[in-house]
Amino acid sequence: MKISLVDAAYEYLKAVNSSIPFNELYAEAAEKAAVPEDQLRRKRSSFYSHLSLDSRFTQGENNTWDLTENHSYDETHITVDQMDGDDDEETEDNDLSEDDEDSSADTLDISSQSEDY
């Protein structure tokens, strides 16, 4: 039976019972899920997104990952009061006047942008 990358990551973290750097976690999960070599780079960002959205996982400092069940609620959840409040200063500096918006729209040509990222 084939196992998903996220489920493979869950099993690996359950076995090691500690936080793991993302690169190591991805390598172990990809090996366990038998991801073909030619698909490793392509699946990496998708794997990261799935980890972020899966409530079984929590991200720690320095891009380490662990199971949420290994941490208390207070360790894995932040309140609005704990969020950085520097956004107000940044917004004031980035506001464009109407003249600036018109001139920047003239120079931006999104039709020529490539979809091959």
PDB file of N, CA and C in Angstrom:
ATOM      1  N   MET A   1       0.838  -1.182   0.000  1.00  0.00           N
ATOM      2  CA  MET A   1       0.000   0.000   0.000  1.00  0.00           C
ATOM      3  C   MET A   1       0.883   1.245   0.000  1.00  0.00           C
ATOM      4  N   LYS A   2       0.572   2.179  -0.882  1.00  0.00           N
ATOM      5  CA  LYS A   2       1.338   3.411  -0.981  1.00  0.00           C
ATOM      6  C   LYS A   2       0.941   4.370   0.141  1.00  0.00           C
ATOM      7  N   ILE A   3       1.939   5.042   0.699  1.00  0.00           N
ATOM      8  CA  ILE A   3       1.712   5.980   1.794  1.00  0.00           C
ATOM      9  C   ILE A   3       1.992   7.401   1.289  1.00  0.00           C
ATOM     10  N   SER A   4       1.226   8.368   1.770  1.00  0.00           N
ATOM     11  CA  SER A   4       1.440   9.760   1.362  1.00  0.00           C
ATOM     12  C   SER A   4       2.675  10.319   2.065  1.00  0.00           C
ATOM     13  N   LEU A   5       3.226  11.376   1.509  1.00  0.00           N
ATOM     14  CA  LEU A   5       4.383  12.032   2.118  1.00  0.00           C
ATOM     15  C   LEU A   5       4.065  12.516   3.534  1.00  0.00           C
ATOM     16  N   VAL A   6       2.908  13.106   3.717  1.00  0.00           N
ATOM     17  CA  VAL A   6       2.534  13.642   5.023  1.00  0.00           C
ATOM     18  C   VAL A   6       2.356  12.518   6.039  1.00  0.00           C
ATOM     19  N   ASP A   7       1.740  11.439   5.629  1.00  0.00           N
ATOM     20  CA  ASP A   7       1.587  10.301   6.546  1.00  0.00           C
ATOM     21  C   ASP A   7       2.941   9.675   6.862  1.00  0.00           C
ATOM     22  N   ALA A   8       3.828   9.633   5.879  1.00  0.00           N
ATOM     23  CA  ALA A   8       5.181   9.123   6.109  1.00  0.00           C
ATOM     24  C   ALA A   8       5.926  10.022   7.094  1.00  0.00           C
ATOM     25  N   ALA A   9       5.744  11.332   6.964  1.00  0.00           N
ATOM     26  CA  ALA A   9       6.367  12.276   7.893  1.00  0.00           C
ATOM     27  C   ALA A   9       5.818  12.071   9.304  1.00  0.00           C
ATOM     28  N   TYR A  10       4.519  11.852   9.406  1.00  0.00           N
ATOM     29  CA  TYR A  10       3.905  11.612  10.712  1.00  0.00           C
ATOM     30  C   TYR A  10       4.514  10.368  11.360  1.00  0.00           C
ATOM     31  N   GLU A  11       4.614   9.291  10.606  1.00  0.00           N
ATOM     32  CA  GLU A  11       5.179   8.052  11.146  1.00  0.00           C
ATOM     33  C   GLU A  11       6.636   8.243  11.570  1.00  0.00           C
ATOM     34  N   TYR A  12       7.399   8.976  10.774  1.00  0.00           N
ATOM     35  CA  TYR A  12       8.800   9.208  11.103  1.00  0.00           C
ATOM     36  C   TYR A  12       8.926  10.035  12.384  1.00  0.00           C
ATOM     37  N   LEU A  13       8.170  11.118  12.488  1.00  0.00           N
ATOM     38  CA  LEU A  13       8.226  11.949  13.690  1.00  0.00           C
ATOM     39  C   LEU A  13       7.731  11.191  14.919  1.00  0.00           C
ATOM     40  N   LYS A  14       6.768  10.324  14.733  1.00  0.00           N
ATOM     41  CA  LYS A  14       6.267   9.500  15.836  1.00  0.00           C
ATOM     42  C   LYS A  14       7.380   8.575  16.334  1.00  0.00           C
ATOM     43  N   ALA A  15       8.162   8.032  15.402  1.00  0.00           N
ATOM     44  CA  ALA A  15       9.231   7.103  15.757  1.00  0.00           C
ATOM     45  C   ALA A  15      10.408   7.803  16.444  1.00  0.00           C
ATOM     46  N   VAL A  16      10.811   8.993  15.940  1.00  0.00           N
ATOM     47  CA  VAL A  16      11.979   9.673  16.514  1.00  0.00           C
ATOM     48  C   VAL A  16      11.618  10.492  17.745  1.00  0.00           C
ATOM     49  N   ASN A  17      10.365  10.874  17.867  1.00  0.00           N
ATOM     50  CA  ASN A  17       9.849  11.590  19.038  1.00  0.00           C
ATOM     51  C   ASN A  17      10.653  12.858  19.378  1.00  0.00           C
ATOM     52  N   SER A  18      11.006  13.615  18.357  1.00  0.00           N
ATOM     53  CA  SER A  18      11.692  14.906  18.573  1.00  0.00           C
ATOM     54  C   SER A  18      11.535  15.778  17.338  1.00  0.00           C
ATOM     55  N   SER A  19      11.872  17.046  17.482  1.00  0.00           N
ATOM     56  CA  SER A  19      11.808  17.984  16.355  1.00  0.00           C
ATOM     57  C   SER A  19      12.894  17.651  15.339  1.00  0.00           C
ATOM     58  N   ILE A  20      12.542  17.807  14.065  1.00  0.00           N
ATOM     59  CA  ILE A  20      13.447  17.457  12.972  1.00  0.00           C
ATOM     60  C   ILE A  20      13.504  18.624  11.987  1.00  0.00           C
ATOM     61  N   PRO A  21      14.701  18.968  11.488  1.00  0.00           N
ATOM     62  CA  PRO A  21      14.783  20.000  10.439  1.00  0.00           C
ATOM     63  C   PRO A  21      13.986  19.571   9.205  1.00  0.00           C
ATOM     64  N   PHE A  22      13.400  20.539   8.535  1.00  0.00           N
ATOM     65  CA  PHE A  22      12.547  20.248   7.381  1.00  0.00           C
ATOM     66  C   PHE A  22      13.260  19.385   6.350  1.00  0.00           C
ATOM     67  N   ASN A  23      14.500  19.709   6.005  1.00  0.00           N
ATOM     68  CA  ASN A  23      15.215  18.948   4.965  1.00  0.00           C
ATOM     69  C   ASN A  23      15.335  17.471   5.327  1.00  0.00           C
ATOM     70  N   GLU A  24      15.640  17.204   6.567  1.00  0.00           N
ATOM     71  CA  GLU A  24      15.744  15.813   7.017  1.00  0.00           C
ATOM     72  C   GLU A  24      14.384  15.128   6.987  1.00  0.00           C
ATOM     73  N   LEU A  25      13.359  15.838   7.446  1.00  0.00           N
ATOM     74  CA  LEU A  25      12.012  15.273   7.452  1.00  0.00           C
ATOM     75  C   LEU A  25      11.551  14.961   6.032  1.00  0.00           C
ATOM     76  N   TYR A  26      11.815  15.869   5.108  1.00  0.00           N
ATOM     77  CA  TYR A  26      11.404  15.636   3.721  1.00  0.00           C
ATOM     78  C   TYR A  26      12.143  14.440   3.131  1.00  0.00           C
ATOM     79  N   ALA A  27      13.437  14.350   3.374  1.00  0.00           N
ATOM     80  CA  ALA A  27      14.227  13.237   2.842  1.00  0.00           C
ATOM     81  C   ALA A  27      13.703  11.898   3.372  1.00  0.00           C
ATOM     82  N   GLU A  28      13.432  11.836   4.663  1.00  0.00           N
ATOM     83  CA  GLU A  28      12.936  10.590   5.265  1.00  0.00           C
ATOM     84  C   GLU A  28      11.537  10.245   4.753  1.00  0.00           C
ATOM     85  N   ALA A  29      10.664  11.244   4.680  1.00  0.00           N
ATOM     86  CA  ALA A  29       9.298  11.002   4.206  1.00  0.00           C
ATOM     87  C   ALA A  29       9.292  10.581   2.743  1.00  0.00           C
ATOM     88  N   ALA A  30      10.117  11.227   1.935  1.00  0.00           N
ATOM     89  CA  ALA A  30      10.188  10.897   0.507  1.00  0.00           C
ATOM     90  C   ALA A  30      10.698   9.472   0.299  1.00  0.00           C
ATOM     91  N   GLU A  31      11.657   9.081   1.113  1.00  0.00           N
ATOM     92  CA  GLU A  31      12.177   7.709   1.013  1.00  0.00           C
ATOM     93  C   GLU A  31      11.098   6.697   1.409  1.00  0.00           C
ATOM     94  N   LYS A  32      10.417   6.959   2.511  1.00  0.00           N
ATOM     95  CA  LYS A  32       9.383   6.044   2.997  1.00  0.00           C
ATOM     96  C   LYS A  32       8.194   5.971   2.033  1.00  0.00           C
ATOM     97  N   ALA A  33       7.860   7.113   1.412  1.00  0.00           N
ATOM     98  CA  ALA A  33       6.740   7.152   0.472  1.00  0.00           C
ATOM     99  C   ALA A  33       7.152   6.733  -0.937  1.00  0.00           C
ATOM    100  N   ALA A  34       8.426   6.403  -1.108  1.00  0.00           N
ATOM    101  CA  ALA A  34       8.973   5.952  -2.391  1.00  0.00           C
ATOM    102  C   ALA A  34       8.714   6.960  -3.517  1.00  0.00           C
ATOM    103  N   VAL A  35       9.036   8.216  -3.246  1.00  0.00           N
ATOM    104  CA  VAL A  35       8.897   9.257  -4.256  1.00  0.00           C
ATOM    105  C   VAL A  35      10.034   9.082  -5.269  1.00  0.00           C
ATOM    106  N   PRO A  36       9.698   8.974  -6.555  1.00  0.00           N
ATOM    107  CA  PRO A  36      10.743   8.821  -7.572  1.00  0.00           C
ATOM    108  C   PRO A  36      11.706  10.013  -7.573  1.00  0.00           C
ATOM    109  N   GLU A  37      12.948   9.749  -7.869  1.00  0.00           N
ATOM    110  CA  GLU A  37      14.007  10.761  -7.862  1.00  0.00           C
ATOM    111  C   GLU A  37      13.649  11.980  -8.715  1.00  0.00           C
ATOM    112  N   ASP A  38      13.030  11.763  -9.858  1.00  0.00           N
ATOM    113  CA  ASP A  38      12.706  12.872 -10.763  1.00  0.00           C
ATOM    114  C   ASP A  38      11.564  13.749 -10.250  1.00  0.00           C
ATOM    115  N   GLN A  39      10.874  13.333  -9.199  1.00  0.00           N
ATOM    116  CA  GLN A  39       9.766  14.118  -8.657  1.00  0.00           C
ATOM    117  C   GLN A  39      10.100  14.780  -7.319  1.00  0.00           C
ATOM    118  N   LEU A  40      11.294  14.543  -6.792  1.00  0.00           N
ATOM    119  CA  LEU A  40      11.650  15.064  -5.471  1.00  0.00           C
ATOM    120  C   LEU A  40      11.556  16.583  -5.383  1.00  0.00           C
ATOM    121  N   ARG A  41      12.122  17.301  -6.338  1.00  0.00           N
ATOM    122  CA  ARG A  41      12.086  18.776  -6.299  1.00  0.00           C
ATOM    123  C   ARG A  41      10.676  19.303  -6.465  1.00  0.00           C
ATOM    124  N   ARG A  42       9.900  18.678  -7.319  1.00  0.00           N
ATOM    125  CA  ARG A  42       8.551  19.145  -7.615  1.00  0.00           C
ATOM    126  C   ARG A  42       7.606  18.997  -6.414  1.00  0.00           C
ATOM    127  N   LYS A  43       7.770  17.975  -5.634  1.00  0.00           N
ATOM    128  CA  LYS A  43       6.865  17.704  -4.518  1.00  0.00           C
ATOM    129  C   LYS A  43       7.261  18.414  -3.230  1.00  0.00           C
ATOM    130  N   ARG A  44       8.444  18.983  -3.185  1.00  0.00           N
ATOM    131  CA  ARG A  44       8.971  19.595  -1.966  1.00  0.00           C
ATOM    132  C   ARG A  44       8.095  20.741  -1.447  1.00  0.00           C
ATOM    133  N   SER A  45       7.747  21.695  -2.291  1.00  0.00           N
ATOM    134  CA  SER A  45       6.946  22.837  -1.827  1.00  0.00           C
ATOM    135  C   SER A  45       5.523  22.418  -1.473  1.00  0.00           C
ATOM    136  N   SER A  46       4.995  21.465  -2.194  1.00  0.00           N
ATOM    137  CA  SER A  46       3.661  20.950  -1.881  1.00  0.00           C
ATOM    138  C   SER A  46       3.667  20.254  -0.516  1.00  0.00           C
ATOM    139  N   PHE A  47       4.720  19.514  -0.252  1.00  0.00           N
ATOM    140  CA  PHE A  47       4.870  18.838   1.040  1.00  0.00           C
ATOM    141  C   PHE A  47       4.906  19.860   2.169  1.00  0.00           C
ATOM    142  N   TYR A  48       5.667  20.942   1.971  1.00  0.00           N
ATOM    143  CA  TYR A  48       5.760  21.998   2.979  1.00  0.00           C
ATOM    144  C   TYR A  48       4.377  22.605   3.244  1.00  0.00           C
ATOM    145  N   SER A  49       3.643  22.870   2.190  1.00  0.00           N
ATOM    146  CA  SER A  49       2.291  23.437   2.343  1.00  0.00           C
ATOM    147  C   SER A  49       1.373  22.484   3.102  1.00  0.00           C
ATOM    148  N   HIS A  50       1.443  21.214   2.769  1.00  0.00           N
ATOM    149  CA  HIS A  50       0.595  20.239   3.441  1.00  0.00           C
ATOM    150  C   HIS A  50       0.946  20.112   4.923  1.00  0.00           C
ATOM    151  N   LEU A  51       2.241  20.152   5.239  1.00  0.00           N
ATOM    152  CA  LEU A  51       2.642  20.121   6.653  1.00  0.00           C
ATOM    153  C   LEU A  51       2.055  21.317   7.399  1.00  0.00           C
ATOM    154  N   SER A  52       2.148  22.479   6.763  1.00  0.00           N
ATOM    155  CA  SER A  52       1.665  23.713   7.395  1.00  0.00           C
ATOM    156  C   SER A  52       0.167  23.676   7.676  1.00  0.00           C
ATOM    157  N   LEU A  53      -0.571  23.018   6.816  1.00  0.00           N
ATOM    158  CA  LEU A  53      -2.028  22.981   6.944  1.00  0.00           C
ATOM    159  C   LEU A  53      -2.543  21.817   7.791  1.00  0.00           C
ATOM    160  N   ASP A  54      -1.705  20.836   8.018  1.00  0.00           N
ATOM    161  CA  ASP A  54      -2.105  19.649   8.766  1.00  0.00           C
ATOM    162  C   ASP A  54      -1.924  19.899  10.263  1.00  0.00           C
ATOM    163  N   SER A  55      -2.994  19.821  11.018  1.00  0.00           N
ATOM    164  CA  SER A  55      -2.944  20.147  12.446  1.00  0.00           C
ATOM    165  C   SER A  55      -2.136  19.147  13.266  1.00  0.00           C
ATOM    166  N   ARG A  56      -1.746  18.036  12.677  1.00  0.00           N
ATOM    167  CA  ARG A  56      -0.912  17.072  13.412  1.00  0.00           C
ATOM    168  C   ARG A  56       0.516  17.563  13.591  1.00  0.00           C
ATOM    169  N   PHE A  57       0.914  18.572  12.786  1.00  0.00           N
ATOM    170  CA  PHE A  57       2.292  19.049  12.782  1.00  0.00           C
ATOM    171  C   PHE A  57       2.391  20.469  13.309  1.00  0.00           C
ATOM    172  N   THR A  58       3.537  20.774  13.900  1.00  0.00           N
ATOM    173  CA  THR A  58       3.813  22.133  14.342  1.00  0.00           C
ATOM    174  C   THR A  58       5.228  22.507  13.913  1.00  0.00           C
ATOM    175  N   GLN A  59       5.383  23.748  13.511  1.00  0.00           N
ATOM    176  CA  GLN A  59       6.693  24.235  13.089  1.00  0.00           C
ATOM    177  C   GLN A  59       7.360  24.942  14.256  1.00  0.00           C
ATOM    178  N   GLY A  60       8.625  24.607  14.464  1.00  0.00           N
ATOM    179  CA  GLY A  60       9.397  25.232  15.524  1.00  0.00           C
ATOM    180  C   GLY A  60      10.387  26.232  14.959  1.00  0.00           C
ATOM    181  N   GLU A  61      11.317  26.622  15.799  1.00  0.00           N
ATOM    182  CA  GLU A  61      12.351  27.564  15.382  1.00  0.00           C
ATOM    183  C   GLU A  61      13.278  26.916  14.359  1.00  0.00           C
ATOM    184  N   ASN A  62      13.868  27.736  13.519  1.00  0.00           N
ATOM    185  CA  ASN A  62      14.847  27.289  12.518  1.00  0.00           C
ATOM    186  C   ASN A  62      14.293  26.223  11.583  1.00  0.00           C
ATOM    187  N   ASN A  63      13.022  26.344  11.240  1.00  0.00           N
ATOM    188  CA  ASN A  63      12.365  25.458  10.290  1.00  0.00           C
ATOM    189  C   ASN A  63      12.428  23.992  10.714  1.00  0.00           C
ATOM    190  N   THR A  64      12.228  23.763  12.005  1.00  0.00           N
ATOM    191  CA  THR A  64      12.114  22.388  12.488  1.00  0.00           C
ATOM    192  C   THR A  64      10.641  22.043  12.615  1.00  0.00           C
ATOM    193  N   TRP A  65      10.340  20.766  12.530  1.00  0.00           N
ATOM    194  CA  TRP A  65       8.961  20.297  12.588  1.00  0.00           C
ATOM    195  C   TRP A  65       8.837  19.193  13.619  1.00  0.00           C
ATOM    196  N   ASP A  66       7.686  19.128  14.237  1.00  0.00           N
ATOM    197  CA  ASP A  66       7.407  18.105  15.227  1.00  0.00           C
ATOM    198  C   ASP A  66       5.909  17.835  15.215  1.00  0.00           C
ATOM    199  N   LEU A  67       5.520  16.842  15.969  1.00  0.00           N
ATOM    200  CA  LEU A  67       4.104  16.530  16.100  1.00  0.00           C
ATOM    201  C   LEU A  67       3.481  17.441  17.152  1.00  0.00           C
ATOM    202  N   THR A  68       2.318  17.940  16.854  1.00  0.00           N
ATOM    203  CA  THR A  68       1.598  18.814  17.775  1.00  0.00           C
ATOM    204  C   THR A  68       1.340  18.099  19.102  1.00  0.00           C
ATOM    205  N   GLU A  69       1.110  16.813  19.028  1.00  0.00           N
ATOM    206  CA  GLU A  69       0.805  16.047  20.253  1.00  0.00           C
ATOM    207  C   GLU A  69       1.971  16.024  21.239  1.00  0.00           C
ATOM    208  N   ASN A  70       3.172  16.364  20.789  1.00  0.00           N
ATOM    209  CA  ASN A  70       4.345  16.394  21.670  1.00  0.00           C
ATOM    210  C   ASN A  70       4.508  17.730  22.391  1.00  0.00           C
ATOM    211  N   HIS A  71       3.588  18.669  22.155  1.00  0.00           N
ATOM    212  CA  HIS A  71       3.703  20.012  22.715  1.00  0.00           C
ATOM    213  C   HIS A  71       2.398  20.425  23.369  1.00  0.00           C
ATOM    214  N   SER A  72       2.511  21.318  24.328  1.00  0.00           N
ATOM    215  CA  SER A  72       1.301  21.827  24.982  1.00  0.00           C
ATOM    216  C   SER A  72       0.596  22.810  24.049  1.00  0.00           C
ATOM    217  N   TYR A  73      -0.644  23.078  24.352  1.00  0.00           N
ATOM    218  CA  TYR A  73      -1.436  24.035  23.574  1.00  0.00           C
ATOM    219  C   TYR A  73      -0.747  25.395  23.529  1.00  0.00           C
ATOM    220  N   ASP A  74      -0.247  25.846  24.669  1.00  0.00           N
ATOM    221  CA  ASP A  74       0.397  27.163  24.747  1.00  0.00           C
ATOM    222  C   ASP A  74       1.659  27.249  23.896  1.00  0.00           C
ATOM    223  N   GLU A  75       2.341  26.139  23.698  1.00  0.00           N
ATOM    224  CA  GLU A  75       3.551  26.132  22.868  1.00  0.00           C
ATOM    225  C   GLU A  75       3.231  26.240  21.380  1.00  0.00           C
ATOM    226  N   THR A  76       2.093  25.740  20.963  1.00  0.00           N
ATOM    227  CA  THR A  76       1.796  25.654  19.531  1.00  0.00           C
ATOM    228  C   THR A  76       0.795  26.672  19.016  1.00  0.00           C
ATOM    229  N   HIS A  77       0.211  27.466  19.895  1.00  0.00           N
ATOM    230  CA  HIS A  77      -0.781  28.448  19.467  1.00  0.00           C
ATOM    231  C   HIS A  77      -0.392  29.833  19.969  1.00  0.00           C
ATOM    232  N   ILE A  78      -0.627  30.825  19.117  1.00  0.00           N
ATOM    233  CA  ILE A  78      -0.351  32.198  19.522  1.00  0.00           C
ATOM    234  C   ILE A  78      -1.659  32.973  19.566  1.00  0.00           C
ATOM    235  N   THR A  79      -1.677  33.995  20.395  1.00  0.00           N
ATOM    236  CA  THR A  79      -2.858  34.850  20.479  1.00  0.00           C
ATOM    237  C   THR A  79      -2.602  36.101  19.646  1.00  0.00           C
ATOM    238  N   VAL A  80      -3.635  36.847  19.397  1.00  0.00           N
ATOM    239  CA  VAL A  80      -3.516  38.088  18.630  1.00  0.00           C
ATOM    240  C   VAL A  80      -2.542  39.040  19.320  1.00  0.00           C
ATOM    241  N   ASP A  81      -2.541  39.054  20.643  1.00  0.00           N
ATOM    242  CA  ASP A  81      -1.642  39.930  21.404  1.00  0.00           C
ATOM    243  C   ASP A  81      -0.169  39.603  21.166  1.00  0.00           C
ATOM    244  N   GLN A  82       0.136  38.362  20.806  1.00  0.00           N
ATOM    245  CA  GLN A  82       1.519  37.947  20.586  1.00  0.00           C
ATOM    246  C   GLN A  82       2.013  38.262  19.180  1.00  0.00           C
ATOM    247  N   MET A  83       1.135  38.653  18.293  1.00  0.00           N
ATOM    248  CA  MET A  83       1.533  38.947  16.917  1.00  0.00           C
ATOM    249  C   MET A  83       2.302  40.253  16.855  1.00  0.00           C
ATOM    250  N   ASP A  84       3.203  40.338  15.895  1.00  0.00           N
ATOM    251  CA  ASP A  84       4.022  41.529  15.707  1.00  0.00           C
ATOM    252  C   ASP A  84       3.147  42.679  15.233  1.00  0.00           C
ATOM    253  N   GLY A  85       3.271  43.832  15.859  1.00  0.00           N
ATOM    254  CA  GLY A  85       2.431  44.977  15.523  1.00  0.00           C
ATOM    255  C   GLY A  85       3.114  46.005  14.648  1.00  0.00           C
ATOM    256  N   ASP A  86       4.193  45.648  13.959  1.00  0.00           N
ATOM    257  CA  ASP A  86       4.923  46.603  13.138  1.00  0.00           C
ATOM    258  C   ASP A  86       4.288  46.843  11.777  1.00  0.00           C
ATOM    259  N   ASP A  87       3.179  46.193  11.472  1.00  0.00           N
ATOM    260  CA  ASP A  87       2.550  46.338  10.164  1.00  0.00           C
ATOM    261  C   ASP A  87       2.067  47.760   9.903  1.00  0.00           C
ATOM    262  N   ASP A  88       1.654  48.499  10.940  1.00  0.00           N
ATOM    263  CA  ASP A  88       1.145  49.855  10.760  1.00  0.00           C
ATOM    264  C   ASP A  88       2.201  50.775  10.158  1.00  0.00           C
ATOM    265  N   GLU A  89       3.431  50.700  10.626  1.00  0.00           N
ATOM    266  CA  GLU A  89       4.510  51.537  10.090  1.00  0.00           C
ATOM    267  C   GLU A  89       4.800  51.191   8.650  1.00  0.00           C
ATOM    268  N   GLU A  90       4.812  49.908   8.333  1.00  0.00           N
ATOM    269  CA  GLU A  90       5.117  49.458   6.981  1.00  0.00           C
ATOM    270  C   GLU A  90       4.046  49.922   5.997  1.00  0.00           C
ATOM    271  N   THR A  91       2.780  49.885   6.398  1.00  0.00           N
ATOM    272  CA  THR A  91       1.677  50.285   5.537  1.00  0.00           C
ATOM    273  C   THR A  91       1.770  51.767   5.187  1.00  0.00           C
ATOM    274  N   GLU A  92       2.125  52.608   6.149  1.00  0.00           N
ATOM    275  CA  GLU A  92       2.234  54.035   5.889  1.00  0.00           C
ATOM    276  C   GLU A  92       3.302  54.332   4.843  1.00  0.00           C
ATOM    277  N   ASP A  93       4.412  53.636   4.883  1.00  0.00           N
ATOM    278  CA  ASP A  93       5.497  53.867   3.940  1.00  0.00           C
ATOM    279  C   ASP A  93       5.170  53.351   2.548  1.00  0.00           C
ATOM    280  N   ASN A  94       4.322  52.355   2.449  1.00  0.00           N
ATOM    281  CA  ASN A  94       4.035  51.724   1.168  1.00  0.00           C
ATOM    282  C   ASN A  94       2.804  52.287   0.469  1.00  0.00           C
ATOM    283  N   ASP A  95       2.082  53.221   1.095  1.00  0.00           N
ATOM    284  CA  ASP A  95       0.907  53.801   0.458  1.00  0.00           C
ATOM    285  C   ASP A  95       1.336  54.625  -0.757  1.00  0.00           C
ATOM    286  N   LEU A  96       0.628  54.419  -1.886  1.00  0.00           N
ATOM    287  CA  LEU A  96       0.915  55.160  -3.108  1.00  0.00           C
ATOM    288  C   LEU A  96      -0.129  56.250  -3.298  1.00  0.00           C
ATOM    289  N   SER A  97       0.298  57.367  -3.831  1.00  0.00           N
ATOM    290  CA  SER A  97      -0.678  58.384  -4.193  1.00  0.00           C
ATOM    291  C   SER A  97      -1.328  57.958  -5.496  1.00  0.00           C
ATOM    292  N   GLU A  98      -2.400  58.651  -5.892  1.00  0.00           N
ATOM    293  CA  GLU A  98      -3.082  58.299  -7.138  1.00  0.00           C
ATOM    294  C   GLU A  98      -2.154  58.431  -8.329  1.00  0.00           C
ATOM    295  N   ASP A  99      -1.282  59.442  -8.353  1.00  0.00           N
ATOM    296  CA  ASP A  99      -0.351  59.627  -9.460  1.00  0.00           C
ATOM    297  C   ASP A  99       0.627  58.463  -9.539  1.00  0.00           C
ATOM    298  N   ASP A 100       1.121  58.002  -8.401  1.00  0.00           N
ATOM    299  CA  ASP A 100       2.052  56.880  -8.376  1.00  0.00           C
ATOM    300  C   ASP A 100       1.384  55.607  -8.868  1.00  0.00           C
ATOM    301  N   GLU A 101       0.124  55.389  -8.506  1.00  0.00           N
ATOM    302  CA  GLU A 101      -0.593  54.194  -8.936  1.00  0.00           C
ATOM    303  C   GLU A 101      -0.752  54.191 -10.443  1.00  0.00           C
ATOM    304  N   ASP A 102      -1.077  55.349 -11.031  1.00  0.00           N
ATOM    305  CA  ASP A 102      -1.248  55.424 -12.478  1.00  0.00           C
ATOM    306  C   ASP A 102       0.055  55.133 -13.198  1.00  0.00           C
ATOM    307  N   SER A 103       1.156  55.704 -12.732  1.00  0.00           N
ATOM    308  CA  SER A 103       2.424  55.500 -13.423  1.00  0.00           C
ATOM    309  C   SER A 103       2.932  54.080 -13.246  1.00  0.00           C
ATOM    310  N   SER A 104       2.687  53.458 -12.093  1.00  0.00           N
ATOM    311  CA  SER A 104       3.161  52.093 -11.899  1.00  0.00           C
ATOM    312  C   SER A 104       2.330  51.119 -12.725  1.00  0.00           C
ATOM    313  N   ALA A 105       1.057  51.425 -12.949  1.00  0.00           N
ATOM    314  CA  ALA A 105       0.226  50.561 -13.777  1.00  0.00           C
ATOM    315  C   ALA A 105       0.697  50.585 -15.218  1.00  0.00           C
ATOM    316  N   ASP A 106       1.240  51.738 -15.683  1.00  0.00           N
ATOM    317  CA  ASP A 106       1.728  51.829 -17.047  1.00  0.00           C
ATOM    318  C   ASP A 106       2.976  50.985 -17.269  1.00  0.00           C
ATOM    319  N   THR A 107       3.782  50.824 -16.244  1.00  0.00           N
ATOM    320  CA  THR A 107       5.038  50.102 -16.414  1.00  0.00           C
ATOM    321  C   THR A 107       4.918  48.616 -16.128  1.00  0.00           C
ATOM    322  N   LEU A 108       3.829  48.159 -15.573  1.00  0.00           N
ATOM    323  CA  LEU A 108       3.657  46.760 -15.238  1.00  0.00           C
ATOM    324  C   LEU A 108       2.914  46.058 -16.361  1.00  0.00           C
ATOM    325  N   ASP A 109       3.560  45.101 -16.978  1.00  0.00           N
ATOM    326  CA  ASP A 109       2.948  44.345 -18.058  1.00  0.00           C
ATOM    327  C   ASP A 109       2.933  42.880 -17.636  1.00  0.00           C
ATOM    328  N   ILE A 110       1.836  42.449 -17.025  1.00  0.00           N
ATOM    329  CA  ILE A 110       1.770  41.082 -16.530  1.00  0.00           C
ATOM    330  C   ILE A 110       1.520  40.076 -17.633  1.00  0.00           C
ATOM    331  N   SER A 111       1.108  40.492 -18.783  1.00  0.00           N
ATOM    332  CA  SER A 111       0.849  39.560 -19.870  1.00  0.00           C
ATOM    333  C   SER A 111       2.128  38.925 -20.391  1.00  0.00           C
ATOM    334  N   SER A 112       3.265  39.567 -20.154  1.00  0.00           N
ATOM    335  CA  SER A 112       4.524  39.005 -20.656  1.00  0.00           C
ATOM    336  C   SER A 112       5.224  38.129 -19.636  1.00  0.00           C
ATOM    337  N   GLN A 113       4.646  37.998 -18.454  1.00  0.00           N
ATOM    338  CA  GLN A 113       5.269  37.156 -17.431  1.00  0.00           C
ATOM    339  C   GLN A 113       5.056  35.694 -17.749  1.00  0.00           C
ATOM    340  N   SER A 114       6.072  34.905 -17.487  1.00  0.00           N
ATOM    341  CA  SER A 114       6.039  33.485 -17.763  1.00  0.00           C
ATOM    342  C   SER A 114       5.374  32.746 -16.614  1.00  0.00           C
ATOM    343  N   GLU A 115       4.708  31.661 -16.929  1.00  0.00           N
ATOM    344  CA  GLU A 115       4.110  30.830 -15.893  1.00  0.00           C
ATOM    345  C   GLU A 115       5.027  29.713 -15.479  1.00  0.00           C
ATOM    346  N   ASP A 116       6.219  29.633 -16.027  1.00  0.00           N
ATOM    347  CA  ASP A 116       7.187  28.582 -15.673  1.00  0.00           C
ATOM    348  C   ASP A 116       8.050  29.040 -14.535  1.00  0.00           C
ATOM    349  N   TYR A 117       7.613  28.827 -13.305  1.00  0.00           N
ATOM    350  CA  TYR A 117       8.414  29.264 -12.199  1.00  0.00           C
ATOM    351  C   TYR A 117       9.303  28.172 -11.758  1.00  0.00           C
TER     352      TYR A 117
END
